[in-house]
Protein backbone atom coordinates (compact mmCIF):
# COMPACT_ATOMS: atom_id res chain seq x y z
CA UNK A 1 -14.50 -1.73 -23.96
CA UNK A 2 -13.94 -5.46 -24.30
CA UNK A 3 -11.43 -5.66 -20.99
CA UNK A 4 -8.97 -4.07 -18.77
CA UNK A 5 -5.80 -2.44 -20.36
CA UNK A 6 -3.92 -2.36 -17.32
CA UNK A 7 -4.02 -5.04 -14.46
CA UNK A 8 -2.21 -4.54 -11.15
CA UNK A 9 -1.90 -7.15 -8.51
CA UNK A 10 -0.49 -5.99 -5.08
CA UNK A 11 0.21 -7.79 -1.86
CA UNK A 12 -1.41 -5.21 0.35
CA UNK A 13 -4.15 -2.86 0.67
CA UNK A 14 -2.22 0.44 1.16
CA UNK A 15 -0.18 -0.43 -1.86
CA UNK A 16 -3.29 -1.44 -3.98
CA UNK A 17 -4.94 1.73 -3.17
CA UNK A 18 -1.92 3.78 -4.22
CA UNK A 19 -1.81 2.15 -7.35
CA UNK A 20 -5.39 2.48 -8.17
CA UNK A 21 -4.97 6.26 -7.28
CA UNK A 22 -2.35 6.56 -9.90
CA UNK A 23 -4.60 5.30 -12.56
CA UNK A 24 -6.93 8.20 -12.07
CA UNK A 25 -4.66 10.32 -13.80
CA UNK A 26 -5.71 8.64 -16.81
CA UNK A 27 -9.24 7.13 -16.25
CA UNK A 28 -12.28 8.34 -14.82
CA UNK A 29 -13.07 5.36 -12.48
CA UNK A 30 -10.55 3.17 -10.44
CA UNK A 31 -11.43 0.33 -8.06
CA UNK A 32 -9.39 -1.97 -5.81
CA UNK A 33 -11.02 -5.60 -5.70
CA UNK A 34 -10.57 -7.04 -2.28
CA UNK A 35 -12.09 -10.31 -2.58
CA UNK A 36 -10.49 -13.25 -4.06
CA UNK A 37 -12.18 -16.63 -4.31
CA UNK A 38 -9.09 -18.61 -3.24
CA UNK A 39 -8.93 -16.99 0.12
CA UNK A 40 -10.63 -18.50 3.18
CA UNK A 41 -14.35 -18.36 3.46
CA UNK A 42 -14.10 -16.09 6.18
CA UNK A 43 -12.80 -13.23 3.93
CA UNK A 44 -15.19 -11.05 2.05
CA UNK A 45 -17.73 -12.17 -0.73
CA UNK A 46 -16.54 -12.12 -4.53
CA UNK A 47 -16.47 -8.91 -6.30
CA UNK A 48 -16.66 -9.28 -9.88
CA UNK A 49 -14.61 -6.90 -12.41
CA UNK A 50 -17.04 -5.03 -14.64
CA UNK A 51 -15.07 -5.24 -18.20
CA UNK A 52 -17.20 -2.34 -19.75
CA UNK A 53 -16.12 0.23 -17.15
CA UNK A 54 -13.05 -0.99 -15.48
CA UNK A 55 -10.12 0.12 -17.72
CA UNK A 56 -7.75 -0.50 -15.12
CA UNK A 57 -8.27 -3.47 -12.74
CA UNK A 58 -6.29 -3.38 -9.27
CA UNK A 59 -6.53 -6.47 -7.08
CA UNK A 60 -5.39 -6.63 -3.57
CA UNK A 61 -4.51 -10.16 -2.63
CA UNK A 62 -3.53 -9.43 1.10
CA UNK A 63 -0.92 -12.02 0.85
CA UNK A 64 2.29 -10.27 2.25
CA UNK A 65 1.14 -11.57 5.71
CA UNK A 66 -0.19 -14.96 4.46
CA UNK A 67 1.87 -18.30 4.54
CA UNK A 68 3.58 -18.92 1.40
CA UNK A 69 1.15 -21.50 0.10
CA UNK A 70 -1.94 -19.30 0.66
CA UNK A 71 -0.14 -16.32 -0.99
CA UNK A 72 0.51 -18.25 -4.16
CA UNK A 73 -3.20 -19.44 -4.07
CA UNK A 74 -4.40 -15.82 -3.55
CA UNK A 75 -2.02 -14.44 -6.61
CA UNK A 76 -3.46 -17.37 -8.99
CA UNK A 77 -6.97 -16.32 -8.19
CA UNK A 78 -6.18 -12.88 -8.89
CA UNK A 79 -4.52 -13.69 -12.30
CA UNK A 80 -7.84 -14.55 -13.41
CA UNK A 81 -9.06 -11.04 -13.02
CA UNK A 82 -6.16 -9.30 -14.79
CA UNK A 83 -5.46 -12.08 -17.62
CA UNK A 84 -7.24 -9.90 -20.36
CA UNK A 85 -4.86 -6.79 -19.74
CA UNK A 86 -2.20 -6.47 -22.23
CA UNK A 87 0.14 -4.96 -19.53
CA UNK A 88 0.03 -6.43 -15.86
CA UNK A 89 2.14 -5.02 -12.95
CA UNK A 90 2.82 -7.29 -10.12
CA UNK A 91 3.22 -4.60 -7.39
CA UNK A 92 5.81 -5.73 -4.66
CA UNK A 93 7.11 -3.84 -1.53
CA UNK A 94 9.67 -1.59 -2.23
CA UNK A 95 11.80 -3.30 0.55
CA UNK A 96 11.20 -6.46 -0.86
CA UNK A 97 9.39 -8.00 1.97
CA UNK A 98 6.74 -10.59 1.53
CA UNK A 99 6.64 -13.72 -0.80
CA UNK A 100 8.13 -11.87 -3.76
CA UNK A 101 9.52 -14.93 -5.63
CA UNK A 102 6.62 -17.31 -5.06
CA UNK A 103 3.97 -14.71 -6.02
CA UNK A 104 6.10 -13.61 -9.29
CA UNK A 105 6.54 -17.15 -10.19
CA UNK A 106 2.83 -18.07 -9.63
CA UNK A 107 1.41 -14.98 -11.70
CA UNK A 108 4.08 -15.45 -14.60
CA UNK A 109 2.82 -19.10 -14.69
CA UNK A 110 -0.77 -18.41 -14.73
CA UNK A 111 -0.48 -15.55 -17.28
CA UNK A 112 2.11 -17.33 -19.41
CA UNK A 113 4.21 -14.20 -19.50
CA UNK A 114 8.13 -13.73 -18.84
CA UNK A 115 8.73 -11.14 -16.04
CA UNK A 116 10.56 -8.16 -16.35
CA UNK A 117 11.59 -6.83 -12.77
CA UNK A 118 12.48 -3.18 -11.74
CA UNK A 119 11.96 -2.66 -8.14
CA UNK A 120 13.25 0.97 -7.53
CA UNK A 121 11.32 3.66 -6.09
CA UNK A 122 13.36 6.83 -6.72
CA UNK A 123 11.09 9.23 -5.01
CA UNK A 124 11.47 7.21 -1.67
CA UNK A 125 15.17 7.11 -2.59
CA UNK A 126 15.13 3.51 -3.30
CA UNK A 127 17.24 2.65 -6.28
CA UNK A 128 18.85 -0.32 -7.69
CA UNK A 129 22.48 -0.21 -8.81
CA UNK A 130 24.38 -3.44 -9.85
CA UNK A 131 21.23 -5.43 -8.88
CA UNK A 132 21.49 -4.19 -5.51
CA UNK A 133 18.60 -2.32 -3.64
CA UNK A 134 19.91 0.91 -1.98
CA UNK A 135 17.84 2.81 0.55
CA UNK A 136 18.95 6.24 1.29
CA UNK A 137 22.32 5.30 -0.25
CA UNK A 138 22.70 2.24 1.83
CA UNK A 139 22.47 -1.36 0.55
CA UNK A 140 19.13 -2.88 1.91
CA UNK A 141 20.93 -5.57 3.74
CA UNK A 142 23.15 -3.16 5.69
CA UNK A 143 20.12 -1.29 7.01
CA UNK A 144 17.93 -2.20 9.89
CA UNK A 145 14.63 -1.94 7.81
CA UNK A 146 14.18 -5.66 8.12
CA UNK A 147 14.68 -5.67 11.93
CA UNK A 148 11.38 -7.11 12.51
CA UNK A 149 11.25 -9.47 9.68
CA UNK A 150 11.82 -13.22 10.48
CA UNK A 151 14.78 -13.50 7.87
CA UNK A 152 17.63 -11.39 6.82
CA UNK A 153 17.19 -8.93 4.02
CA UNK A 154 18.27 -10.00 0.51
CA UNK A 155 21.73 -8.79 -0.53
CA UNK A 156 20.62 -8.53 -4.20
CA UNK A 157 17.26 -8.28 -6.00
CA UNK A 158 18.00 -11.58 -7.49
CA UNK A 159 18.06 -13.16 -4.13
CA UNK A 160 14.69 -11.86 -3.23
CA UNK A 161 13.51 -13.83 -6.55
CA UNK A 162 15.44 -17.07 -5.96
CA UNK A 163 14.80 -19.57 -7.17
CA UNK A 164 13.72 -17.93 -10.36
CA UNK A 165 16.70 -17.81 -12.78
CA UNK A 166 17.59 -14.04 -13.43
CA UNK A 167 19.92 -11.94 -15.46
CA UNK A 168 21.07 -8.29 -14.60
CA UNK A 169 20.25 -5.59 -17.03
CA UNK A 170 22.81 -3.04 -15.58
CA UNK A 171 22.24 0.79 -15.54
CA UNK A 172 24.90 1.21 -18.24
CA UNK A 173 22.40 -0.73 -20.51
CA UNK A 174 19.33 1.17 -19.12
CA UNK A 175 21.05 4.64 -19.69
CA UNK A 176 21.45 3.65 -23.49
CA UNK A 177 17.52 3.89 -23.92
CA UNK A 178 14.76 1.67 -25.15
CA UNK A 179 16.30 -0.11 -28.04
CA UNK A 180 19.27 -1.43 -25.92
CA UNK A 181 16.93 -2.42 -23.03
CA UNK A 182 14.44 -4.00 -25.46
CA UNK A 183 17.39 -6.19 -26.75
CA UNK A 184 18.51 -7.21 -23.30
CA UNK A 185 14.95 -8.23 -22.45
CA UNK A 186 14.49 -10.18 -25.56
CA UNK A 187 17.69 -12.09 -24.88
CA UNK A 188 16.57 -12.88 -21.26
CA UNK A 189 13.41 -14.17 -22.52
CA UNK A 190 14.85 -16.20 -25.15
CA UNK A 191 16.94 -17.96 -22.38
CA UNK A 192 14.19 -18.53 -19.99
CA UNK A 193 15.68 -15.77 -17.60
CA UNK A 194 13.86 -13.05 -15.65
CA UNK A 195 15.49 -9.75 -16.34
CA UNK A 196 16.18 -7.53 -13.23
CA UNK A 197 16.72 -3.92 -14.41
CA UNK A 198 18.88 -1.42 -12.53
CA UNK A 199 17.12 1.94 -12.12
CA UNK A 200 18.15 5.15 -10.30
CA UNK A 201 15.58 7.79 -11.72
CA UNK A 202 11.94 7.58 -12.76
CA UNK A 203 13.17 7.99 -16.22
CA UNK A 204 14.82 4.62 -16.09
CA UNK A 205 11.66 3.14 -15.03
CA UNK A 206 9.99 4.79 -18.03
CA UNK A 207 12.47 3.15 -20.35
CA UNK A 208 12.15 -0.11 -18.70
CA UNK A 209 8.48 -0.10 -19.06
CA UNK A 210 8.51 1.21 -22.73
CA UNK A 211 10.89 -1.52 -23.72
CA UNK A 212 9.02 -4.18 -22.03
CA UNK A 213 5.70 -3.19 -23.66
CA UNK A 214 7.39 -3.03 -27.15
CA UNK A 215 9.00 -6.29 -26.66
CA UNK A 216 5.93 -8.32 -26.18
CA UNK A 217 1.92 -7.75 -26.79
CA UNK A 218 1.62 -9.33 -23.31
CA UNK A 219 3.86 -7.69 -20.50
CA UNK A 220 4.29 -8.72 -16.91
CA UNK A 221 6.26 -6.09 -15.16
CA UNK A 222 7.44 -6.46 -11.38
CA UNK A 223 7.94 -3.42 -9.45
CA UNK A 224 7.08 -0.81 -6.68
CA UNK A 225 4.17 1.69 -6.82
CA UNK A 226 6.66 3.77 -8.79
CA UNK A 227 6.60 1.27 -11.78
CA UNK A 228 2.64 1.13 -11.34
CA UNK A 229 2.46 4.74 -11.72
CA UNK A 230 4.56 4.63 -14.91
CA UNK A 231 2.38 2.15 -16.44
CA UNK A 232 -0.72 4.15 -15.60
CA UNK A 233 0.82 7.54 -17.20
CA UNK A 234 1.50 5.43 -20.36
CA UNK A 235 -2.29 4.61 -20.80
CA UNK A 236 -4.27 6.67 -23.27
CA UNK A 237 -6.29 9.23 -21.55
CA UNK A 238 -10.13 8.37 -21.05
CA UNK A 239 -12.10 11.21 -22.60
CA UNK A 240 -13.98 11.48 -19.03
CA UNK A 241 -10.71 11.04 -17.23
CA UNK A 242 -9.03 13.75 -15.12
CA UNK A 243 -6.13 15.85 -16.69
CA UNK A 244 -2.69 15.42 -15.63
CA UNK A 245 -1.35 17.91 -13.32
CA UNK A 246 2.20 16.52 -12.87
CA UNK A 247 1.34 14.96 -9.55
CA UNK A 248 -1.76 13.02 -9.65
CA UNK A 249 -5.45 13.78 -8.31
CA UNK A 250 -6.11 15.13 -5.02
CA UNK A 251 -9.88 13.89 -4.26
CA UNK A 252 -12.66 16.30 -3.49
CA UNK A 253 -14.87 14.72 -1.06
CA UNK A 254 -17.87 15.42 0.99
CA UNK A 255 -17.11 17.15 4.20
CA UNK A 256 -16.88 14.54 7.11
CA UNK A 257 -17.98 15.94 10.59
CA UNK A 258 -16.57 12.76 12.37
CA UNK A 259 -13.35 10.88 11.79
CA UNK A 260 -11.94 7.75 13.25
CA UNK A 261 -8.22 7.19 12.99
CA UNK A 262 -6.97 3.45 13.43
CA UNK A 263 -3.26 3.25 13.58
CA UNK A 264 -1.85 -0.43 13.24
CA UNK A 265 1.68 0.73 13.06
CA UNK A 266 4.29 1.78 15.67
CA UNK A 267 6.55 3.57 13.12
CA UNK A 268 8.98 5.95 14.98
CA UNK A 269 7.53 9.19 13.47
CA UNK A 270 3.97 8.26 14.70
CA UNK A 271 4.06 10.07 18.20
CA UNK A 272 4.95 13.40 16.56
CA UNK A 273 2.03 13.08 14.17
CA UNK A 274 -0.21 12.25 16.83
CA UNK A 275 0.76 15.28 18.83
CA UNK A 276 0.04 17.63 15.75
CA UNK A 277 -3.15 15.94 15.07
CA UNK A 278 -4.37 16.21 18.62
CA UNK A 279 -3.40 19.92 18.82
CA UNK A 280 -4.91 20.90 15.37
CA UNK A 281 -8.22 19.05 15.72
CA UNK A 282 -8.67 18.65 19.38
CA UNK A 283 -8.54 14.85 18.75
CA UNK A 284 -9.09 12.35 21.42
CA UNK A 285 -6.48 9.59 21.43
CA UNK A 286 -6.66 6.26 23.03
CA UNK A 287 -3.21 4.38 23.11
CA UNK A 288 -3.97 0.49 23.45
CA UNK A 289 -1.20 -1.61 24.93
CA UNK A 290 -0.50 -4.81 22.62
CA UNK A 291 -0.62 -7.31 25.76
CA UNK A 292 -3.97 -5.76 26.68
CA UNK A 293 -5.33 -6.00 23.17
CA UNK A 294 -4.40 -9.74 22.96
CA UNK A 295 -5.21 -10.94 26.45
CA UNK A 296 -8.53 -9.02 27.18
CA UNK A 297 -10.11 -7.38 24.02
CA UNK A 298 -13.36 -7.25 25.55
CA UNK A 299 -11.88 -4.56 28.05
CA UNK A 300 -10.52 -2.55 25.26
CA UNK A 301 -13.89 -2.68 23.81
CA UNK A 302 -15.59 -1.22 26.85
CA UNK A 303 -12.98 1.55 27.08
CA UNK A 304 -13.20 2.53 23.56
CA UNK A 305 -17.10 2.70 23.84
CA UNK A 306 -16.77 4.78 26.87
CA UNK A 307 -14.40 7.26 25.44
CA UNK A 308 -15.43 7.69 21.82
CA UNK A 309 -17.77 10.41 21.03
CA UNK A 310 -20.14 7.99 19.13
CA UNK A 311 -19.42 9.40 15.75
CA UNK A 312 -21.41 12.77 16.74
CA UNK A 313 -18.54 15.16 15.70
CA UNK A 314 -14.63 15.34 16.14
CA UNK A 315 -11.76 13.32 15.71
CA UNK A 316 -11.19 10.20 17.71
CA UNK A 317 -7.94 7.98 17.28
CA UNK A 318 -7.01 4.32 18.45
CA UNK A 319 -3.47 3.84 18.25
CA UNK A 320 -1.04 1.11 19.39
CA UNK A 321 0.98 2.34 22.45
CA UNK A 322 4.41 2.94 20.85
CA UNK A 323 6.14 2.46 24.18
CA UNK A 324 4.78 -0.74 25.27
CA UNK A 325 6.46 -4.11 24.25
CA UNK A 326 5.18 -6.36 21.83
CA UNK A 327 6.01 -9.81 20.53
CA UNK A 328 7.05 -9.79 16.90
CA UNK A 329 5.91 -13.19 16.44
CA UNK A 330 2.37 -12.39 17.53
CA UNK A 331 2.16 -9.27 14.97
CA UNK A 332 -0.51 -10.79 12.94
CA UNK A 333 -2.63 -11.82 15.90
CA UNK A 334 -2.26 -8.24 17.10
CA UNK A 335 -3.51 -6.90 13.78
CA UNK A 336 -6.42 -9.28 14.01
CA UNK A 337 -7.25 -8.30 17.33
CA UNK A 338 -7.10 -4.56 16.49
CA UNK A 339 -9.45 -5.16 13.81
CA UNK A 340 -12.07 -6.99 15.94
CA UNK A 341 -12.35 -4.06 18.46
CA UNK A 342 -12.38 -1.34 15.99
CA UNK A 343 -14.65 -2.61 13.13
CA UNK A 344 -17.83 -2.17 14.90
CA UNK A 345 -16.97 1.54 15.37
CA UNK A 346 -16.52 2.62 11.71
CA UNK A 347 -20.17 2.74 10.85
CA UNK A 348 -20.46 5.47 13.44
CA UNK A 349 -18.03 7.94 11.78
CA UNK A 350 -18.19 9.71 8.39
CA UNK A 351 -14.85 8.70 7.54
CA UNK A 352 -12.06 6.32 8.80
CA UNK A 353 -8.36 6.36 8.24
CA UNK A 354 -6.73 3.10 8.46
CA UNK A 355 -2.91 2.72 8.61
CA UNK A 356 -0.96 0.44 7.55
CA UNK A 357 -2.08 -1.94 4.96
CA UNK A 358 -2.65 -5.07 7.01
CA UNK A 359 -4.66 -3.38 9.58
CA UNK A 360 -6.68 -1.65 6.97
CA UNK A 361 -7.64 -4.90 5.20
CA UNK A 362 -8.41 -6.78 8.43
CA UNK A 363 -10.87 -4.01 9.39
CA UNK A 364 -12.44 -4.15 6.05
CA UNK A 365 -12.67 -7.78 5.86
CA UNK A 366 -14.83 -7.70 9.12
CA UNK A 367 -17.28 -5.28 7.36
CA UNK A 368 -17.67 -7.64 4.30
CA UNK A 369 -16.28 -4.95 1.89
CA UNK A 370 -15.56 -6.59 -1.42
CA UNK A 371 -14.15 -3.56 -3.30
CA UNK A 372 -13.42 0.06 -2.82
CA UNK A 373 -13.95 2.89 -5.28
CA UNK A 374 -10.69 4.98 -5.23
CA UNK A 375 -11.36 8.91 -5.34
CA UNK A 376 -7.65 9.82 -5.34
CA UNK A 377 -4.59 10.67 -3.02
CA UNK A 378 -4.59 13.52 -0.50
CA UNK A 379 -1.74 15.82 -1.40
CA UNK A 380 1.07 15.12 -3.72
CA UNK A 381 4.88 15.75 -3.98
CA UNK A 382 6.44 17.69 -1.00
CA UNK A 383 3.01 18.07 0.71
CA UNK A 384 2.03 14.18 -0.15
CA UNK A 385 0.83 12.30 2.62
CA UNK A 386 0.80 8.81 0.99
CA UNK A 387 -2.97 8.80 1.96
CA UNK A 388 -5.61 7.43 -0.60
CA UNK A 389 -9.32 8.24 -0.17
CA UNK A 390 -11.73 5.59 -1.26
CA UNK A 391 -15.51 5.03 -0.81
CA UNK A 392 -16.92 1.66 0.46
CA UNK A 393 -20.27 0.43 -0.46
CA UNK A 394 -22.98 2.46 1.31
CA UNK A 395 -21.02 5.77 0.73
CA UNK A 396 -18.56 6.21 3.92
CA UNK A 397 -15.11 7.26 3.21
CA UNK A 398 -11.98 5.17 3.94
CA UNK A 399 -8.49 6.37 4.01
CA UNK A 400 -5.63 4.14 3.76
CA UNK A 401 -1.83 4.67 4.10
CA UNK A 402 1.42 2.69 4.54
CA UNK A 403 2.42 2.61 8.27
CA UNK A 404 5.74 4.07 7.78
CA UNK A 405 4.64 7.20 5.78
CA UNK A 406 4.10 10.80 6.88
CA UNK A 407 5.83 13.76 8.15
CA UNK A 408 4.76 15.31 11.64
CA UNK A 409 1.87 17.13 10.20
CA UNK A 410 0.61 14.51 7.77
CA UNK A 411 -2.30 13.15 9.92
CA UNK A 412 -3.32 16.86 10.73
CA UNK A 413 -3.46 17.54 6.93
CA UNK A 414 -5.56 14.47 6.23
CA UNK A 415 -8.11 15.49 8.85
CA UNK A 416 -8.11 19.02 7.70
CA UNK A 417 -8.80 17.75 4.07
CA UNK A 418 -11.73 15.42 5.22
CA UNK A 419 -13.06 18.04 7.51
CA UNK A 420 -13.07 20.58 4.60
CA UNK A 421 -10.92 23.26 6.32
CA UNK A 422 -7.31 24.45 6.19
CA UNK A 423 -5.05 22.93 8.78
CA UNK A 424 -4.91 25.01 12.05
CA UNK A 425 -2.12 25.93 14.25
CA UNK A 426 -1.51 23.94 17.23
CA UNK A 427 -3.51 25.20 20.15
CA UNK A 428 -2.11 24.99 23.64
CA UNK A 429 -3.87 22.37 25.99
CA UNK A 430 -6.14 21.25 23.09
CA UNK A 431 -4.83 17.68 22.85
CA UNK A 432 -6.72 15.00 24.66
CA UNK A 433 -4.68 11.83 24.85
CA UNK A 434 -5.39 8.76 27.07
CA UNK A 435 -2.69 8.07 28.34
CA UNK A 436 0.09 10.40 27.29
CA UNK A 437 3.49 9.15 25.86
CA UNK A 438 6.23 11.06 23.99
CA UNK A 439 8.32 8.09 22.51
CA UNK A 440 9.84 9.21 19.17
CA UNK A 441 12.33 6.16 18.39
CA UNK A 442 11.77 2.99 16.55
CA UNK A 443 10.59 0.09 18.48
CA UNK A 444 12.02 -3.02 16.91
CA UNK A 445 9.75 -5.44 18.76
CA UNK A 446 6.77 -3.78 17.25
CA UNK A 447 4.45 -5.17 14.49
CA UNK A 448 5.68 -5.99 11.06
CA UNK A 449 3.71 -3.03 9.78
CA UNK A 450 6.28 -0.47 11.25
CA UNK A 451 7.71 0.17 7.98
CA UNK A 452 4.62 -1.07 5.68
């Protein structure tokens, strides 16, 4: 192989891992590259791409939380790793958070390609009609999903891409099929415009992808993980790759006797997930108050050391207290502080579950992890958890998941998978939680990972 056939550039780790897992439907090996030379020296050392074995190159720029200038530099550095791929997907947040316009413009300039944008993720009921992103049938800007963001949600996809000049490819055109979309894309490119495509079904995304690939020998697509999955399915199957099963791979992993869960999110569904996890696996849970973590991290370290099981066996959980107040302006500092206190614990456990993407990346940075070998996703379809299993250098397992994902039993299913046993029924009195809380609603002054 002379180089990658698909390049993916994502702005957070959970999204990167999800995209890399999609690639395993067609190829036998998939990695996430974490290290970008343009990032500060404190980040992990550079991890080169092996062009002989990396058919798909997925790069995590970890740029959603960076300042705009740093995000652009990270994306420009990532461009060098995917420049040889005939198809590149710029994975963006399905809620359009982050530096969408700046990163798309930087990647387009570096690759000398005209972007084609289709940000819908129909499986999550996030669709684009008339250029407006709808979530559960409601326009994004009329929801509270940007409540912890510093600005208002964009009213249109084109607004998220400003100042790039855009033109809408409406659903009436997409519904006509590849030829009609191809003509629209060619007209947009000829006028120097970025095409923003409506999409309400996965079939719509397939039409946009096929038209973009036919329109040019070097395509740049911009979308959510759903578009990356479409691009992965379009690849020719690696002779050693896994067969398609309609839902993506579920990894077989070595049995993990000890599990560490680190939850850097305070999503509203998390308390119910913790209750199920504790009941099913006798998990010991430590809830950390954000103010204590920021003002006295050494005390938190001491408490975790005293309460943890030292990786001998069992399930240990470190989570942000969902009932305690948190300053949204200090969300990045909170993520960094959480990573500082939990990173030394990882090597005592066979596997670590890290949620959401910013927390996962911050923890792995402290361990100088330059790349992850992605093994697959735990569960798919109705039983899916959004949890991707990877192996870090040295062999220990890492599971990543967006912070907002998961039904009440999802964490319990992850633990069951990693421990090599079916999920068990809740056992009265089995939970060990320090302290115990029962909050179930969203906390709008939580970290920005609440919906990551």
